[in-house]
Amino acid sequence: MTTVGTVRRRLFGIPSAKAVFSRPGFAPEAWERFAPVACSLMEGYHAALEDPRLGVLAARLEAVEPELKGFAYEGAGMGLAALDAVTPYKRRLEAFVAGPGAAHIYPVYVGVGLAYARLRRTPESRLAGLDPLLGWVTADGYGFHEAFFKRRRYVEQHAVPTRLSDYGRRFFDQGVGRALWFSGGAVVDRVARLITGFQPERHADLWSGVGLASAYGGGADEAALRSVLAYASAYRPQLARGAATAAWGRRTAGNEAAHTDLACRVFCGRGSEDAAAVVEEAARGLPVISVEPGYEIWRRRTEEGLAA
């Protein structure tokens, strides 16, 4: 680690992943089930702070266990976005996404959203500098952060972010749904009860976040996943899309996982390979210019493809 990296780690580092999971409102099962996820994300974040040179950073990330590698890349995205905010002329994030982070762009952008929340920057104000299709994913990371670290306001009081557009709030809610899955320790009854407290019009996006988190991060066996489906039967298209998106992200990065395949079989009625193929096919031929965001067309096509 360089001297500058040591200073950055001291200034911006997070002392303890376990302490984060010990905050009020978190289920005891959260740390028990997701400690490896949290530690991998922290490893990626601190790696970026300590030495953001692409070759050095990529080597550290690639050393992470394959199933957890996406979380390490998410942490790296968070760290690089934070560094770019301090020294924007470096453009580290852009170089990372164009290089070693290309196959992990989805979790990297989730991490960027985490950084924006910590820096109190609005994701939509930064879309111009990101991938035109996947840039919206930063609002998901933003929502995850707010629900995870400002639980009272965004989970207990169900606050709606005022600095996002209506469409941005949908991704925010997807991030909130993911946060509920991880902070709730994948205890299905608990997660479902929390979602019930939100306004009904937010439920679809919250459940899509649960589908994404449970498929990508795991934490539940088949019985628990079928319980999720029972609670969210009215939102199966969103659950299925979330799980299929997780499968697509893992296939793109080459880090497939058994728990992702299981979630796809329960929520999508097909294995992860087939579910990922639906997502990929839905992205073909998206309009370059459209009144409706291209990502929304992609999401709708994916839901229709999974239901076919």
C-alpha atoms as a PDB file:
ATOM      1  CA  MET A   1       0.000   0.000   0.000  1.00  0.00           C
ATOM      2  CA  THR A   2       1.330   3.461  -0.886  1.00  0.00           C
ATOM      3  CA  THR A   3       1.583   6.292   1.639  1.00  0.00           C
ATOM      4  CA  VAL A   4      -1.197   8.138  -0.165  1.00  0.00           C
ATOM      5  CA  GLY A   5      -3.291   4.968  -0.112  1.00  0.00           C
ATOM      6  CA  THR A   6      -2.813   4.669   3.642  1.00  0.00           C
ATOM      7  CA  VAL A   7      -4.038   8.229   4.098  1.00  0.00           C
ATOM      8  CA  ARG A   8      -7.059   7.651   1.857  1.00  0.00           C
ATOM      9  CA  ARG A   9      -7.911   4.464   3.762  1.00  0.00           C
ATOM     10  CA  ARG A  10      -7.802   6.350   7.061  1.00  0.00           C
ATOM     11  CA  LEU A  11      -9.901   9.215   5.748  1.00  0.00           C
ATOM     12  CA  PHE A  12     -12.547   7.333   3.766  1.00  0.00           C
ATOM     13  CA  GLY A  13     -12.356   3.718   4.915  1.00  0.00           C
ATOM     14  CA  ILE A  14     -15.090   1.889   6.810  1.00  0.00           C
ATOM     15  CA  PRO A  15     -13.686   0.422  10.050  1.00  0.00           C
ATOM     16  CA  SER A  16     -15.924  -2.622  10.459  1.00  0.00           C
ATOM     17  CA  ALA A  17     -18.385  -4.417   8.210  1.00  0.00           C
ATOM     18  CA  LYS A  18     -19.770  -6.283  11.201  1.00  0.00           C
ATOM     19  CA  ALA A  19     -20.531  -3.035  13.003  1.00  0.00           C
ATOM     20  CA  VAL A  20     -22.659  -1.929  10.054  1.00  0.00           C
ATOM     21  CA  PHE A  21     -24.722  -5.107  10.341  1.00  0.00           C
ATOM     22  CA  SER A  22     -25.151  -4.551  14.087  1.00  0.00           C
ATOM     23  CA  ARG A  23     -27.148  -1.371  13.609  1.00  0.00           C
ATOM     24  CA  PRO A  24     -30.690  -1.114  15.070  1.00  0.00           C
ATOM     25  CA  GLY A  25     -33.314  -2.825  12.938  1.00  0.00           C
ATOM     26  CA  PHE A  26     -30.982  -5.402  11.376  1.00  0.00           C
ATOM     27  CA  ALA A  27     -31.914  -9.041  11.831  1.00  0.00           C
ATOM     28  CA  PRO A  28     -29.408 -11.193  13.762  1.00  0.00           C
ATOM     29  CA  GLU A  29     -29.320 -13.498  10.739  1.00  0.00           C
ATOM     30  CA  ALA A  30     -28.032 -10.672   8.520  1.00  0.00           C
ATOM     31  CA  TRP A  31     -24.389 -10.967   9.563  1.00  0.00           C
ATOM     32  CA  GLU A  32     -24.589 -14.745   9.927  1.00  0.00           C
ATOM     33  CA  ARG A  33     -25.711 -15.165   6.320  1.00  0.00           C
ATOM     34  CA  PHE A  34     -24.090 -12.246   4.548  1.00  0.00           C
ATOM     35  CA  ALA A  35     -20.751 -11.660   6.274  1.00  0.00           C
ATOM     36  CA  PRO A  36     -18.811 -12.900   3.198  1.00  0.00           C
ATOM     37  CA  VAL A  37     -20.812 -10.532   0.980  1.00  0.00           C
ATOM     38  CA  ALA A  38     -20.129  -7.545   3.227  1.00  0.00           C
ATOM     39  CA  CYS A  39     -16.440  -8.371   3.621  1.00  0.00           C
ATOM     40  CA  SER A  40     -15.977  -8.785  -0.129  1.00  0.00           C
ATOM     41  CA  LEU A  41     -17.588  -5.416  -0.824  1.00  0.00           C
ATOM     42  CA  MET A  42     -15.362  -3.800   1.800  1.00  0.00           C
ATOM     43  CA  GLU A  43     -12.303  -5.508   0.305  1.00  0.00           C
ATOM     44  CA  GLY A  44     -13.076  -3.995  -3.098  1.00  0.00           C
ATOM     45  CA  TYR A  45     -13.779  -0.558  -1.631  1.00  0.00           C
ATOM     46  CA  HIS A  46     -10.586  -0.425   0.394  1.00  0.00           C
ATOM     47  CA  ALA A  47      -8.562  -1.865  -2.494  1.00  0.00           C
ATOM     48  CA  ALA A  48      -9.653   1.056  -4.681  1.00  0.00           C
ATOM     49  CA  LEU A  49      -8.792   3.573  -1.970  1.00  0.00           C
ATOM     50  CA  GLU A  50      -5.406   2.045  -1.254  1.00  0.00           C
ATOM     51  CA  ASP A  51      -4.176   1.734  -4.841  1.00  0.00           C
ATOM     52  CA  PRO A  52      -6.542   2.593  -7.719  1.00  0.00           C
ATOM     53  CA  ARG A  53      -4.049   1.808 -10.474  1.00  0.00           C
ATOM     54  CA  LEU A  54      -5.978  -0.478 -12.809  1.00  0.00           C
ATOM     55  CA  GLY A  55      -3.544  -3.360 -12.910  1.00  0.00           C
ATOM     56  CA  VAL A  56      -3.025  -3.442  -9.158  1.00  0.00           C
ATOM     57  CA  LEU A  57      -6.723  -3.053  -8.395  1.00  0.00           C
ATOM     58  CA  ALA A  58      -7.814  -5.690 -10.913  1.00  0.00           C
ATOM     59  CA  ALA A  59      -5.338  -8.205  -9.467  1.00  0.00           C
ATOM     60  CA  ARG A  60      -6.760  -7.751  -5.977  1.00  0.00           C
ATOM     61  CA  LEU A  61     -10.345  -8.059  -7.173  1.00  0.00           C
ATOM     62  CA  GLU A  62      -9.644 -11.156  -9.228  1.00  0.00           C
ATOM     63  CA  ALA A  63      -8.199 -12.840  -6.127  1.00  0.00           C
ATOM     64  CA  VAL A  64     -11.657 -12.796  -4.500  1.00  0.00           C
ATOM     65  CA  GLU A  65     -13.677 -16.020  -4.514  1.00  0.00           C
ATOM     66  CA  PRO A  66     -15.636 -16.201  -7.811  1.00  0.00           C
ATOM     67  CA  GLU A  67     -19.137 -16.200  -6.278  1.00  0.00           C
ATOM     68  CA  LEU A  68     -18.270 -13.067  -4.267  1.00  0.00           C
ATOM     69  CA  LYS A  69     -16.270 -11.267  -6.933  1.00  0.00           C
ATOM     70  CA  GLY A  70     -19.202  -9.108  -8.062  1.00  0.00           C
ATOM     71  CA  PHE A  71     -19.470  -7.604  -4.585  1.00  0.00           C
ATOM     72  CA  ALA A  72     -15.769  -6.781  -4.617  1.00  0.00           C
ATOM     73  CA  TYR A  73     -16.224  -4.998  -7.937  1.00  0.00           C
ATOM     74  CA  GLU A  74     -19.199  -3.155  -6.446  1.00  0.00           C
ATOM     75  CA  GLY A  75     -16.953  -1.930  -3.647  1.00  0.00           C
ATOM     76  CA  ALA A  76     -14.315  -0.901  -6.171  1.00  0.00           C
ATOM     77  CA  GLY A  77     -16.903   1.125  -8.077  1.00  0.00           C
ATOM     78  CA  MET A  78     -17.790   2.865  -4.842  1.00  0.00           C
ATOM     79  CA  GLY A  79     -14.159   3.645  -4.068  1.00  0.00           C
ATOM     80  CA  LEU A  80     -13.285   4.894  -7.546  1.00  0.00           C
ATOM     81  CA  ALA A  81     -16.347   7.145  -7.693  1.00  0.00           C
ATOM     82  CA  ALA A  82     -15.376   8.620  -4.328  1.00  0.00           C
ATOM     83  CA  LEU A  83     -11.805   9.260  -5.505  1.00  0.00           C
ATOM     84  CA  ASP A  84     -13.029  10.835  -8.747  1.00  0.00           C
ATOM     85  CA  ALA A  85     -15.178  13.201  -6.732  1.00  0.00           C
ATOM     86  CA  VAL A  86     -12.032  14.483  -5.011  1.00  0.00           C
ATOM     87  CA  THR A  87      -9.845  14.512  -8.130  1.00  0.00           C
ATOM     88  CA  PRO A  88     -12.241  14.528 -11.116  1.00  0.00           C
ATOM     89  CA  TYR A  89      -9.452  15.099 -13.648  1.00  0.00           C
ATOM     90  CA  LYS A  90      -8.243  11.518 -13.016  1.00  0.00           C
ATOM     91  CA  ARG A  91     -11.400   9.843 -14.430  1.00  0.00           C
ATOM     92  CA  ARG A  92     -10.498   6.538 -12.809  1.00  0.00           C
ATOM     93  CA  LEU A  93     -14.013   5.128 -12.949  1.00  0.00           C
ATOM     94  CA  GLU A  94     -14.339   5.684 -16.687  1.00  0.00           C
ATOM     95  CA  ALA A  95     -11.031   3.914 -17.335  1.00  0.00           C
ATOM     96  CA  PHE A  96     -11.997   1.043 -15.020  1.00  0.00           C
ATOM     97  CA  VAL A  97     -15.358   0.457 -16.718  1.00  0.00           C
ATOM     98  CA  ALA A  98     -13.687   0.538 -20.129  1.00  0.00           C
ATOM     99  CA  GLY A  99     -11.022  -1.898 -18.929  1.00  0.00           C
ATOM    100  CA  PRO A 100     -10.947  -4.541 -16.173  1.00  0.00           C
ATOM    101  CA  GLY A 101     -14.380  -3.642 -14.826  1.00  0.00           C
ATOM    102  CA  ALA A 102     -16.214  -3.994 -18.147  1.00  0.00           C
ATOM    103  CA  ALA A 103     -17.613  -7.474 -17.464  1.00  0.00           C
ATOM    104  CA  HIS A 104     -18.781  -6.330 -14.007  1.00  0.00           C
ATOM    105  CA  ILE A 105     -20.316  -3.030 -15.066  1.00  0.00           C
ATOM    106  CA  TYR A 106     -23.656  -3.699 -13.337  1.00  0.00           C
ATOM    107  CA  PRO A 107     -22.252  -4.159  -9.794  1.00  0.00           C
ATOM    108  CA  VAL A 108     -19.653  -1.448 -10.447  1.00  0.00           C
ATOM    109  CA  TYR A 109     -22.444   1.031 -11.155  1.00  0.00           C
ATOM    110  CA  VAL A 110     -24.329  -0.116  -8.060  1.00  0.00           C
ATOM    111  CA  GLY A 111     -21.183   0.788  -6.126  1.00  0.00           C
ATOM    112  CA  VAL A 112     -21.068   4.172  -7.843  1.00  0.00           C
ATOM    113  CA  GLY A 113     -24.581   4.797  -6.531  1.00  0.00           C
ATOM    114  CA  LEU A 114     -23.406   3.950  -3.018  1.00  0.00           C
ATOM    115  CA  ALA A 115     -20.673   6.566  -3.358  1.00  0.00           C
ATOM    116  CA  TYR A 116     -23.103   9.181  -4.645  1.00  0.00           C
ATOM    117  CA  ALA A 117     -25.273   8.658  -1.578  1.00  0.00           C
ATOM    118  CA  ARG A 118     -22.303   9.024   0.768  1.00  0.00           C
ATOM    119  CA  LEU A 119     -21.228  12.162  -1.098  1.00  0.00           C
ATOM    120  CA  ARG A 120     -24.814  13.500  -1.182  1.00  0.00           C
ATOM    121  CA  ARG A 121     -24.805  13.667  -4.953  1.00  0.00           C
ATOM    122  CA  THR A 122     -27.874  12.907  -7.037  1.00  0.00           C
ATOM    123  CA  PRO A 123     -27.384   9.949  -9.415  1.00  0.00           C
ATOM    124  CA  GLU A 124     -29.400  11.483 -12.226  1.00  0.00           C
ATOM    125  CA  SER A 125     -27.142  14.539 -12.335  1.00  0.00           C
ATOM    126  CA  ARG A 126     -24.259  12.204 -13.269  1.00  0.00           C
ATOM    127  CA  LEU A 127     -25.932  10.050 -15.927  1.00  0.00           C
ATOM    128  CA  ALA A 128     -24.301  11.883 -18.836  1.00  0.00           C
ATOM    129  CA  GLY A 129     -20.893  10.489 -17.958  1.00  0.00           C
ATOM    130  CA  LEU A 130     -22.035   6.876 -17.635  1.00  0.00           C
ATOM    131  CA  ASP A 131     -23.165   4.069 -19.919  1.00  0.00           C
ATOM    132  CA  PRO A 132     -26.381   5.362 -21.570  1.00  0.00           C
ATOM    133  CA  LEU A 133     -28.296   2.161 -20.770  1.00  0.00           C
ATOM    134  CA  LEU A 134     -26.932   0.998 -17.422  1.00  0.00           C
ATOM    135  CA  GLY A 135     -26.336   4.394 -15.839  1.00  0.00           C
ATOM    136  CA  TRP A 136     -29.728   4.135 -14.141  1.00  0.00           C
ATOM    137  CA  VAL A 137     -28.346   1.346 -11.960  1.00  0.00           C
ATOM    138  CA  THR A 138     -26.596   4.021  -9.877  1.00  0.00           C
ATOM    139  CA  ALA A 139     -30.011   5.036  -8.505  1.00  0.00           C
ATOM    140  CA  ASP A 140     -30.421   1.454  -7.276  1.00  0.00           C
ATOM    141  CA  GLY A 141     -27.153   1.711  -5.352  1.00  0.00           C
ATOM    142  CA  TYR A 142     -28.249   5.090  -4.044  1.00  0.00           C
ATOM    143  CA  GLY A 143     -31.494   3.602  -2.718  1.00  0.00           C
ATOM    144  CA  PHE A 144     -29.677   0.663  -1.161  1.00  0.00           C
ATOM    145  CA  HIS A 145     -27.371   3.001   0.742  1.00  0.00           C
ATOM    146  CA  GLU A 146     -30.174   5.177   2.068  1.00  0.00           C
ATOM    147  CA  ALA A 147     -32.239   2.203   3.253  1.00  0.00           C
ATOM    148  CA  PHE A 148     -29.172   0.551   4.784  1.00  0.00           C
ATOM    149  CA  PHE A 149     -27.670   3.561   6.561  1.00  0.00           C
ATOM    150  CA  LYS A 150     -30.701   5.814   7.051  1.00  0.00           C
ATOM    151  CA  ARG A 151     -33.084   3.069   8.022  1.00  0.00           C
ATOM    152  CA  ARG A 152     -35.354   5.140  10.236  1.00  0.00           C
ATOM    153  CA  ARG A 153     -36.156   7.623   7.479  1.00  0.00           C
ATOM    154  CA  TYR A 154     -36.333   5.357   4.448  1.00  0.00           C
ATOM    155  CA  VAL A 155     -37.524   2.032   5.898  1.00  0.00           C
ATOM    156  CA  GLU A 156     -39.503   2.870   9.012  1.00  0.00           C
ATOM    157  CA  GLN A 157     -40.923   6.199   7.839  1.00  0.00           C
ATOM    158  CA  HIS A 158     -41.091   5.181   4.138  1.00  0.00           C
ATOM    159  CA  ALA A 159     -39.669   8.505   2.957  1.00  0.00           C
ATOM    160  CA  VAL A 160     -39.574   9.177  -0.769  1.00  0.00           C
ATOM    161  CA  PRO A 161     -36.400  10.769  -2.175  1.00  0.00           C
ATOM    162  CA  THR A 162     -37.170  14.283  -3.351  1.00  0.00           C
ATOM    163  CA  ARG A 163     -34.112  14.730  -5.582  1.00  0.00           C
ATOM    164  CA  LEU A 164     -34.978  11.958  -8.036  1.00  0.00           C
ATOM    165  CA  SER A 165     -37.409  11.848 -10.945  1.00  0.00           C
ATOM    166  CA  ASP A 166     -40.382   9.474 -10.860  1.00  0.00           C
ATOM    167  CA  TYR A 167     -38.406   6.995 -12.944  1.00  0.00           C
ATOM    168  CA  GLY A 168     -35.302   7.368 -10.789  1.00  0.00           C
ATOM    169  CA  ARG A 169     -37.419   6.571  -7.741  1.00  0.00           C
ATOM    170  CA  ARG A 170     -38.290   3.209  -9.227  1.00  0.00           C
ATOM    171  CA  PHE A 171     -34.626   2.238  -9.230  1.00  0.00           C
ATOM    172  CA  PHE A 172     -34.275   3.760  -5.778  1.00  0.00           C
ATOM    173  CA  ASP A 173     -37.025   1.414  -4.580  1.00  0.00           C
ATOM    174  CA  GLN A 174     -35.330  -1.553  -6.207  1.00  0.00           C
ATOM    175  CA  GLY A 175     -32.268  -0.670  -4.141  1.00  0.00           C
ATOM    176  CA  VAL A 176     -34.421  -0.386  -1.029  1.00  0.00           C
ATOM    177  CA  GLY A 177     -35.796  -3.865  -1.727  1.00  0.00           C
ATOM    178  CA  ARG A 178     -32.268  -5.244  -1.969  1.00  0.00           C
ATOM    179  CA  ALA A 179     -31.357  -3.557   1.313  1.00  0.00           C
ATOM    180  CA  LEU A 180     -34.372  -5.125   3.015  1.00  0.00           C
ATOM    181  CA  TRP A 181     -33.244  -8.587   1.895  1.00  0.00           C
ATOM    182  CA  PHE A 182     -29.709  -8.197   3.228  1.00  0.00           C
ATOM    183  CA  SER A 183     -30.516  -6.251   6.403  1.00  0.00           C
ATOM    184  CA  GLY A 184     -33.435  -8.601   7.054  1.00  0.00           C
ATOM    185  CA  GLY A 185     -31.090 -11.557   6.957  1.00  0.00           C
ATOM    186  CA  ALA A 186     -33.158 -13.212   4.194  1.00  0.00           C
ATOM    187  CA  VAL A 187     -35.857 -13.917   6.799  1.00  0.00           C
ATOM    188  CA  VAL A 188     -38.791 -13.931   4.410  1.00  0.00           C
ATOM    189  CA  ASP A 189     -41.586 -13.131   6.870  1.00  0.00           C
ATOM    190  CA  ARG A 190     -39.644 -10.138   8.124  1.00  0.00           C
ATOM    191  CA  VAL A 191     -38.863  -8.809   4.652  1.00  0.00           C
ATOM    192  CA  ALA A 192     -42.451  -9.252   3.486  1.00  0.00           C
ATOM    193  CA  ARG A 193     -43.788  -7.459   6.555  1.00  0.00           C
ATOM    194  CA  LEU A 194     -41.514  -4.497   5.925  1.00  0.00           C
ATOM    195  CA  ILE A 195     -42.572  -4.241   2.285  1.00  0.00           C
ATOM    196  CA  THR A 196     -46.241  -4.316   3.278  1.00  0.00           C
ATOM    197  CA  GLY A 197     -45.686  -1.069   5.180  1.00  0.00           C
ATOM    198  CA  PHE A 198     -44.746   0.840   2.022  1.00  0.00           C
ATOM    199  CA  GLN A 199     -47.248   2.485  -0.295  1.00  0.00           C
ATOM    200  CA  PRO A 200     -48.760  -0.153  -2.631  1.00  0.00           C
ATOM    201  CA  GLU A 201     -47.464   1.580  -5.756  1.00  0.00           C
ATOM    202  CA  ARG A 202     -43.901   0.972  -4.539  1.00  0.00           C
ATOM    203  CA  HIS A 203     -44.289  -2.777  -3.969  1.00  0.00           C
ATOM    204  CA  ALA A 204     -43.443  -3.932  -7.506  1.00  0.00           C
ATOM    205  CA  ASP A 205     -40.028  -2.283  -7.487  1.00  0.00           C
ATOM    206  CA  LEU A 206     -39.318  -3.335  -3.906  1.00  0.00           C
ATOM    207  CA  TRP A 207     -40.014  -6.966  -4.821  1.00  0.00           C
ATOM    208  CA  SER A 208     -37.860  -6.693  -7.944  1.00  0.00           C
ATOM    209  CA  GLY A 209     -35.038  -5.718  -5.589  1.00  0.00           C
ATOM    210  CA  VAL A 210     -35.749  -8.767  -3.444  1.00  0.00           C
ATOM    211  CA  GLY A 211     -35.657 -10.958  -6.557  1.00  0.00           C
ATOM    212  CA  LEU A 212     -32.331  -9.476  -7.594  1.00  0.00           C
ATOM    213  CA  ALA A 213     -30.758  -9.682  -4.133  1.00  0.00           C
ATOM    214  CA  SER A 214     -31.923 -13.199  -3.349  1.00  0.00           C
ATOM    215  CA  ALA A 215     -30.695 -14.470  -6.717  1.00  0.00           C
ATOM    216  CA  TYR A 216     -27.356 -12.666  -6.707  1.00  0.00           C
ATOM    217  CA  GLY A 217     -26.521 -12.768  -3.008  1.00  0.00           C
ATOM    218  CA  GLY A 218     -28.289 -15.952  -1.962  1.00  0.00           C
ATOM    219  CA  GLY A 219     -29.114 -16.499   1.694  1.00  0.00           C
ATOM    220  CA  ALA A 220     -32.231 -18.647   1.201  1.00  0.00           C
ATOM    221  CA  ASP A 221     -33.017 -22.257   0.399  1.00  0.00           C
ATOM    222  CA  GLU A 222     -35.739 -23.412  -1.995  1.00  0.00           C
ATOM    223  CA  ALA A 223     -38.456 -23.421   0.677  1.00  0.00           C
ATOM    224  CA  ALA A 224     -37.678 -19.820   1.617  1.00  0.00           C
ATOM    225  CA  LEU A 225     -37.653 -18.718  -2.027  1.00  0.00           C
ATOM    226  CA  ARG A 226     -41.033 -20.341  -2.581  1.00  0.00           C
ATOM    227  CA  SER A 227     -42.257 -18.448   0.452  1.00  0.00           C
ATOM    228  CA  VAL A 228     -41.066 -15.232  -1.204  1.00  0.00           C
ATOM    229  CA  LEU A 229     -43.045 -16.180  -4.289  1.00  0.00           C
ATOM    230  CA  ALA A 230     -46.143 -16.847  -2.183  1.00  0.00           C
ATOM    231  CA  TYR A 231     -45.945 -13.424  -0.537  1.00  0.00           C
ATOM    232  CA  ALA A 232     -45.248 -11.644  -3.813  1.00  0.00           C
ATOM    233  CA  SER A 233     -47.387 -13.675  -6.201  1.00  0.00           C
ATOM    234  CA  ALA A 234     -48.889 -10.494  -7.646  1.00  0.00           C
ATOM    235  CA  TYR A 235     -45.378  -9.290  -8.484  1.00  0.00           C
ATOM    236  CA  ARG A 236     -43.923 -12.435  -9.993  1.00  0.00           C
ATOM    237  CA  PRO A 237     -42.922 -10.637 -13.232  1.00  0.00           C
ATOM    238  CA  GLN A 238     -40.772  -8.252 -11.189  1.00  0.00           C
ATOM    239  CA  LEU A 239     -39.324 -11.032  -9.025  1.00  0.00           C
ATOM    240  CA  ALA A 240     -38.495 -13.001 -12.152  1.00  0.00           C
ATOM    241  CA  ARG A 241     -36.882  -9.998 -13.846  1.00  0.00           C
ATOM    242  CA  GLY A 242     -34.763  -9.328 -10.768  1.00  0.00           C
ATOM    243  CA  ALA A 243     -33.554 -12.928 -10.641  1.00  0.00           C
ATOM    244  CA  ALA A 244     -32.911 -13.045 -14.391  1.00  0.00           C
ATOM    245  CA  THR A 245     -30.941  -9.800 -14.210  1.00  0.00           C
ATOM    246  CA  ALA A 246     -28.768 -11.341 -11.497  1.00  0.00           C
ATOM    247  CA  ALA A 247     -28.226 -14.387 -13.727  1.00  0.00           C
ATOM    248  CA  TRP A 248     -27.314 -12.169 -16.675  1.00  0.00           C
ATOM    249  CA  GLY A 249     -24.834 -10.212 -14.573  1.00  0.00           C
ATOM    250  CA  ARG A 250     -23.188 -13.369 -13.310  1.00  0.00           C
ATOM    251  CA  ARG A 251     -23.034 -14.955 -16.753  1.00  0.00           C
ATOM    252  CA  THR A 252     -21.523 -11.806 -18.245  1.00  0.00           C
ATOM    253  CA  ALA A 253     -18.828 -11.844 -15.570  1.00  0.00           C
ATOM    254  CA  GLY A 254     -18.320 -15.605 -15.692  1.00  0.00           C
ATOM    255  CA  ASN A 255     -19.061 -16.159 -11.992  1.00  0.00           C
ATOM    256  CA  GLU A 256     -22.237 -18.241 -12.055  1.00  0.00           C
ATOM    257  CA  ALA A 257     -23.562 -19.529  -8.723  1.00  0.00           C
ATOM    258  CA  ALA A 258     -25.846 -22.392  -7.694  1.00  0.00           C
ATOM    259  CA  HIS A 259     -28.053 -20.116  -5.582  1.00  0.00           C
ATOM    260  CA  THR A 260     -28.649 -17.901  -8.614  1.00  0.00           C
ATOM    261  CA  ASP A 261     -29.768 -20.887 -10.656  1.00  0.00           C
ATOM    262  CA  LEU A 262     -32.086 -21.973  -7.828  1.00  0.00           C
ATOM    263  CA  ALA A 263     -33.716 -18.547  -7.586  1.00  0.00           C
ATOM    264  CA  CYS A 264     -34.243 -18.468 -11.355  1.00  0.00           C
ATOM    265  CA  ARG A 265     -35.911 -21.885 -11.288  1.00  0.00           C
ATOM    266  CA  VAL A 266     -38.286 -20.753  -8.542  1.00  0.00           C
ATOM    267  CA  PHE A 267     -39.054 -17.227  -9.801  1.00  0.00           C
ATOM    268  CA  CYS A 268     -38.599 -17.632 -13.573  1.00  0.00           C
ATOM    269  CA  GLY A 269     -39.511 -21.276 -14.071  1.00  0.00           C
ATOM    270  CA  ARG A 270     -36.204 -21.856 -15.893  1.00  0.00           C
ATOM    271  CA  GLY A 271     -32.519 -22.177 -15.086  1.00  0.00           C
ATOM    272  CA  SER A 272     -30.152 -19.252 -14.817  1.00  0.00           C
ATOM    273  CA  GLU A 273     -28.603 -19.839 -18.242  1.00  0.00           C
ATOM    274  CA  ASP A 274     -31.978 -19.583 -19.984  1.00  0.00           C
ATOM    275  CA  ALA A 275     -33.054 -16.639 -17.819  1.00  0.00           C
ATOM    276  CA  ALA A 276     -29.862 -14.742 -18.628  1.00  0.00           C
ATOM    277  CA  ALA A 277     -30.400 -15.413 -22.330  1.00  0.00           C
ATOM    278  CA  VAL A 278     -33.845 -13.776 -22.119  1.00  0.00           C
ATOM    279  CA  VAL A 279     -32.303 -10.648 -20.584  1.00  0.00           C
ATOM    280  CA  GLU A 280     -29.612 -10.529 -23.243  1.00  0.00           C
ATOM    281  CA  GLU A 281     -32.093 -10.988 -26.080  1.00  0.00           C
ATOM    282  CA  ALA A 282     -34.320  -8.251 -24.646  1.00  0.00           C
ATOM    283  CA  ALA A 283     -31.423  -5.795 -24.910  1.00  0.00           C
ATOM    284  CA  ARG A 284     -31.029  -6.300 -28.650  1.00  0.00           C
ATOM    285  CA  GLY A 285     -32.193  -3.506 -30.932  1.00  0.00           C
ATOM    286  CA  LEU A 286     -33.107  -1.026 -28.208  1.00  0.00           C
ATOM    287  CA  PRO A 287     -33.934   2.364 -29.751  1.00  0.00           C
ATOM    288  CA  VAL A 288     -31.160   4.924 -29.633  1.00  0.00           C
ATOM    289  CA  ILE A 289     -33.646   7.769 -29.366  1.00  0.00           C
ATOM    290  CA  SER A 290     -36.879   7.244 -27.444  1.00  0.00           C
ATOM    291  CA  VAL A 291     -39.259   9.196 -25.230  1.00  0.00           C
ATOM    292  CA  GLU A 292     -39.309   6.181 -22.919  1.00  0.00           C
ATOM    293  CA  PRO A 293     -35.966   5.334 -21.266  1.00  0.00           C
ATOM    294  CA  GLY A 294     -34.201   2.486 -23.024  1.00  0.00           C
ATOM    295  CA  TYR A 295     -33.724   0.685 -19.729  1.00  0.00           C
ATOM    296  CA  GLU A 296     -37.477   0.624 -19.176  1.00  0.00           C
ATOM    297  CA  ILE A 297     -38.033  -0.912 -22.595  1.00  0.00           C
ATOM    298  CA  TRP A 298     -35.405  -3.489 -21.677  1.00  0.00           C
ATOM    299  CA  ARG A 299     -37.110  -4.281 -18.389  1.00  0.00           C
ATOM    300  CA  ARG A 300     -40.511  -4.665 -20.009  1.00  0.00           C
ATOM    301  CA  ARG A 301     -39.163  -6.887 -22.809  1.00  0.00           C
ATOM    302  CA  THR A 302     -37.436  -9.036 -20.196  1.00  0.00           C
ATOM    303  CA  GLU A 303     -40.650  -9.528 -18.237  1.00  0.00           C
ATOM    304  CA  GLU A 304     -42.528 -10.418 -21.409  1.00  0.00           C
ATOM    305  CA  GLY A 305     -39.803 -12.825 -22.504  1.00  0.00           C
ATOM    306  CA  LEU A 306     -39.776 -14.604 -19.156  1.00  0.00           C
ATOM    307  CA  ALA A 307     -43.553 -14.927 -19.196  1.00  0.00           C
ATOM    308  CA  ALA A 308     -43.613 -16.362 -22.725  1.00  0.00           C
END
